[in-house]
N, C-alpha and C. Protein backbone atom coordinates (compact mmCIF):
# COMPACT_ATOMS: atom_id res chain seq x y z
N UNK A 1 0.85 -1.18 0.00
CA UNK A 1 0.00 0.00 0.00
C UNK A 1 0.89 1.24 0.00
N UNK A 2 0.60 2.17 -0.88
CA UNK A 2 1.42 3.36 -1.03
C UNK A 2 0.99 4.43 -0.03
N UNK A 3 1.99 4.99 0.64
CA UNK A 3 1.71 6.07 1.58
C UNK A 3 2.06 7.40 0.93
N UNK A 4 1.21 8.39 1.15
CA UNK A 4 1.48 9.72 0.62
C UNK A 4 1.86 10.64 1.76
N UNK A 5 2.96 11.31 1.62
CA UNK A 5 3.39 12.27 2.61
C UNK A 5 2.79 13.63 2.28
N UNK A 6 2.58 14.44 3.31
CA UNK A 6 1.97 15.75 3.09
C UNK A 6 2.83 16.64 2.19
N UNK A 7 4.13 16.57 2.31
CA UNK A 7 5.01 17.44 1.55
C UNK A 7 5.50 16.81 0.25
N UNK A 8 5.04 15.62 -0.06
CA UNK A 8 5.50 14.96 -1.28
C UNK A 8 4.78 15.54 -2.49
N UNK A 9 5.47 15.56 -3.65
CA UNK A 9 4.81 16.09 -4.85
C UNK A 9 3.62 15.21 -5.23
N UNK A 10 2.59 15.84 -5.79
CA UNK A 10 1.39 15.13 -6.22
C UNK A 10 1.68 14.39 -7.51
N UNK A 11 0.92 13.37 -7.78
CA UNK A 11 1.07 12.63 -9.01
C UNK A 11 0.64 13.48 -10.19
N UNK A 12 1.34 13.32 -11.29
CA UNK A 12 0.98 14.09 -12.48
C UNK A 12 -0.40 13.71 -13.01
N UNK A 13 -0.87 12.49 -12.69
CA UNK A 13 -2.21 12.08 -13.11
C UNK A 13 -3.27 13.00 -12.55
N UNK A 14 -3.08 13.46 -11.34
CA UNK A 14 -4.06 14.37 -10.72
C UNK A 14 -4.12 15.68 -11.48
N UNK A 15 -2.95 16.19 -11.91
CA UNK A 15 -2.92 17.42 -12.68
C UNK A 15 -3.53 17.21 -14.07
N UNK A 16 -3.26 16.06 -14.65
CA UNK A 16 -3.81 15.75 -15.96
C UNK A 16 -5.33 15.65 -15.88
N UNK A 17 -5.84 14.99 -14.86
CA UNK A 17 -7.29 14.88 -14.68
C UNK A 17 -7.92 16.26 -14.52
N UNK A 18 -7.27 17.11 -13.74
CA UNK A 18 -7.78 18.47 -13.52
C UNK A 18 -7.77 19.26 -14.83
N UNK A 19 -6.72 19.11 -15.61
CA UNK A 19 -6.62 19.84 -16.88
C UNK A 19 -7.69 19.36 -17.85
N UNK A 20 -7.91 18.06 -17.91
CA UNK A 20 -8.94 17.52 -18.79
C UNK A 20 -10.32 18.00 -18.35
N UNK A 21 -10.57 17.99 -17.05
CA UNK A 21 -11.86 18.45 -16.54
C UNK A 21 -12.07 19.93 -16.86
N UNK A 22 -11.02 20.73 -16.72
CA UNK A 22 -11.13 22.15 -17.02
C UNK A 22 -11.41 22.38 -18.51
N UNK A 23 -10.72 21.64 -19.38
CA UNK A 23 -10.96 21.76 -20.82
C UNK A 23 -12.38 21.36 -21.17
N UNK A 24 -12.86 20.29 -20.55
CA UNK A 24 -14.23 19.83 -20.80
C UNK A 24 -15.24 20.90 -20.40
N UNK A 25 -15.05 21.48 -19.22
CA UNK A 25 -15.97 22.52 -18.75
C UNK A 25 -15.91 23.76 -19.63
N UNK A 26 -14.70 24.15 -20.04
CA UNK A 26 -14.57 25.31 -20.91
C UNK A 26 -15.27 25.08 -22.25
N UNK A 27 -15.09 23.89 -22.81
CA UNK A 27 -15.76 23.58 -24.08
C UNK A 27 -17.27 23.57 -23.92
N UNK A 28 -17.75 23.03 -22.81
CA UNK A 28 -19.19 23.00 -22.56
C UNK A 28 -19.74 24.42 -22.43
N UNK A 29 -19.00 25.28 -21.76
CA UNK A 29 -19.44 26.67 -21.58
C UNK A 29 -19.47 27.40 -22.92
N UNK A 30 -18.46 27.21 -23.74
CA UNK A 30 -18.41 27.85 -25.04
C UNK A 30 -19.57 27.37 -25.91
N UNK A 31 -19.83 26.08 -25.90
CA UNK A 31 -20.94 25.55 -26.70
C UNK A 31 -22.28 26.09 -26.21
N UNK A 32 -22.44 26.23 -24.91
CA UNK A 32 -23.66 26.81 -24.34
C UNK A 32 -23.83 28.25 -24.83
N UNK A 33 -22.74 29.01 -24.80
CA UNK A 33 -22.80 30.41 -25.25
C UNK A 33 -23.15 30.48 -26.73
N UNK A 34 -22.55 29.60 -27.54
CA UNK A 34 -22.85 29.58 -28.98
C UNK A 34 -24.34 29.33 -29.22
N UNK A 35 -24.88 28.33 -28.54
CA UNK A 35 -26.30 28.00 -28.73
C UNK A 35 -27.19 29.16 -28.32
N UNK A 36 -26.83 29.80 -27.21
CA UNK A 36 -27.62 30.92 -26.72
C UNK A 36 -27.59 32.08 -27.71
N UNK A 37 -26.41 32.39 -28.22
CA UNK A 37 -26.29 33.49 -29.19
C UNK A 37 -27.03 33.16 -30.48
N UNK A 38 -26.92 31.92 -30.95
CA UNK A 38 -27.64 31.53 -32.16
C UNK A 38 -29.16 31.67 -31.99
N UNK A 39 -29.63 31.30 -30.81
CA UNK A 39 -31.06 31.44 -30.53
C UNK A 39 -31.45 32.92 -30.55
N UNK A 40 -30.61 33.76 -29.95
CA UNK A 40 -30.88 35.20 -29.94
C UNK A 40 -30.82 35.78 -31.35
N UNK A 41 -29.88 35.28 -32.16
CA UNK A 41 -29.79 35.73 -33.56
C UNK A 41 -31.07 35.37 -34.31
N UNK A 42 -31.55 34.16 -34.11
CA UNK A 42 -32.81 33.76 -34.75
C UNK A 42 -33.94 34.71 -34.37
N UNK A 43 -33.98 35.08 -33.10
CA UNK A 43 -35.03 35.99 -32.63
C UNK A 43 -34.89 37.37 -33.27
N UNK A 44 -33.64 37.86 -33.40
CA UNK A 44 -33.45 39.18 -34.02
C UNK A 44 -33.88 39.16 -35.49
N UNK A 45 -33.68 38.02 -36.16
CA UNK A 45 -34.12 37.92 -37.55
C UNK A 45 -35.64 37.97 -37.63
N UNK A 46 -36.31 37.31 -36.71
CA UNK A 46 -37.78 37.35 -36.68
C UNK A 46 -38.27 38.75 -36.37
N UNK A 47 -37.55 39.45 -35.47
CA UNK A 47 -37.96 40.79 -35.06
C UNK A 47 -37.52 41.87 -36.05
N UNK A 48 -36.58 41.53 -36.93
CA UNK A 48 -36.06 42.52 -37.87
C UNK A 48 -35.12 43.52 -37.22
N UNK A 49 -34.46 43.12 -36.14
CA UNK A 49 -33.56 44.01 -35.41
C UNK A 49 -32.14 43.87 -35.96
N UNK A 50 -31.84 44.68 -36.98
CA UNK A 50 -30.56 44.58 -37.68
C UNK A 50 -29.39 44.93 -36.76
N UNK A 51 -29.54 45.96 -35.95
CA UNK A 51 -28.45 46.41 -35.07
C UNK A 51 -28.04 45.31 -34.08
N UNK A 52 -29.02 44.70 -33.45
CA UNK A 52 -28.73 43.62 -32.50
C UNK A 52 -28.20 42.39 -33.22
N UNK A 53 -28.72 42.13 -34.42
CA UNK A 53 -28.24 41.01 -35.23
C UNK A 53 -26.74 41.16 -35.50
N UNK A 54 -26.33 42.34 -35.92
CA UNK A 54 -24.91 42.57 -36.22
C UNK A 54 -24.05 42.42 -34.97
N UNK A 55 -24.54 42.93 -33.86
CA UNK A 55 -23.80 42.82 -32.59
C UNK A 55 -23.64 41.34 -32.20
N UNK A 56 -24.71 40.58 -32.29
CA UNK A 56 -24.66 39.18 -31.90
C UNK A 56 -23.78 38.34 -32.83
N UNK A 57 -23.83 38.64 -34.13
CA UNK A 57 -22.99 37.88 -35.06
C UNK A 57 -21.52 38.16 -34.80
N UNK A 58 -21.18 39.38 -34.44
CA UNK A 58 -19.79 39.69 -34.09
C UNK A 58 -19.38 38.95 -32.82
N UNK A 59 -20.27 38.89 -31.86
CA UNK A 59 -20.01 38.16 -30.62
C UNK A 59 -19.79 36.68 -30.90
N UNK A 60 -20.61 36.14 -31.78
CA UNK A 60 -20.48 34.72 -32.15
C UNK A 60 -19.15 34.47 -32.85
N UNK A 61 -18.73 35.36 -33.70
CA UNK A 61 -17.44 35.22 -34.38
C UNK A 61 -16.28 35.18 -33.38
N UNK A 62 -16.38 35.98 -32.34
CA UNK A 62 -15.31 36.05 -31.34
C UNK A 62 -15.13 34.75 -30.58
N UNK A 63 -16.21 34.05 -30.32
CA UNK A 63 -16.09 32.82 -29.53
C UNK A 63 -16.00 31.56 -30.38
N UNK A 64 -16.14 31.71 -31.70
CA UNK A 64 -16.05 30.54 -32.59
C UNK A 64 -14.63 30.28 -33.02
């Protein structure tokens, strides 16, 4: 059985797991934002709001 000391360096697997989890969450957040903006863009097209449409499409370009 392996003992871990308080001052011993952590396993790189723990850092790798954390990095993968962070990348997963970041990708999920970006995809959520994309879907939300696309939905808002659809609404601006229905409403005929050109100014908001242009603003939202620029925002979508920035995160894509």
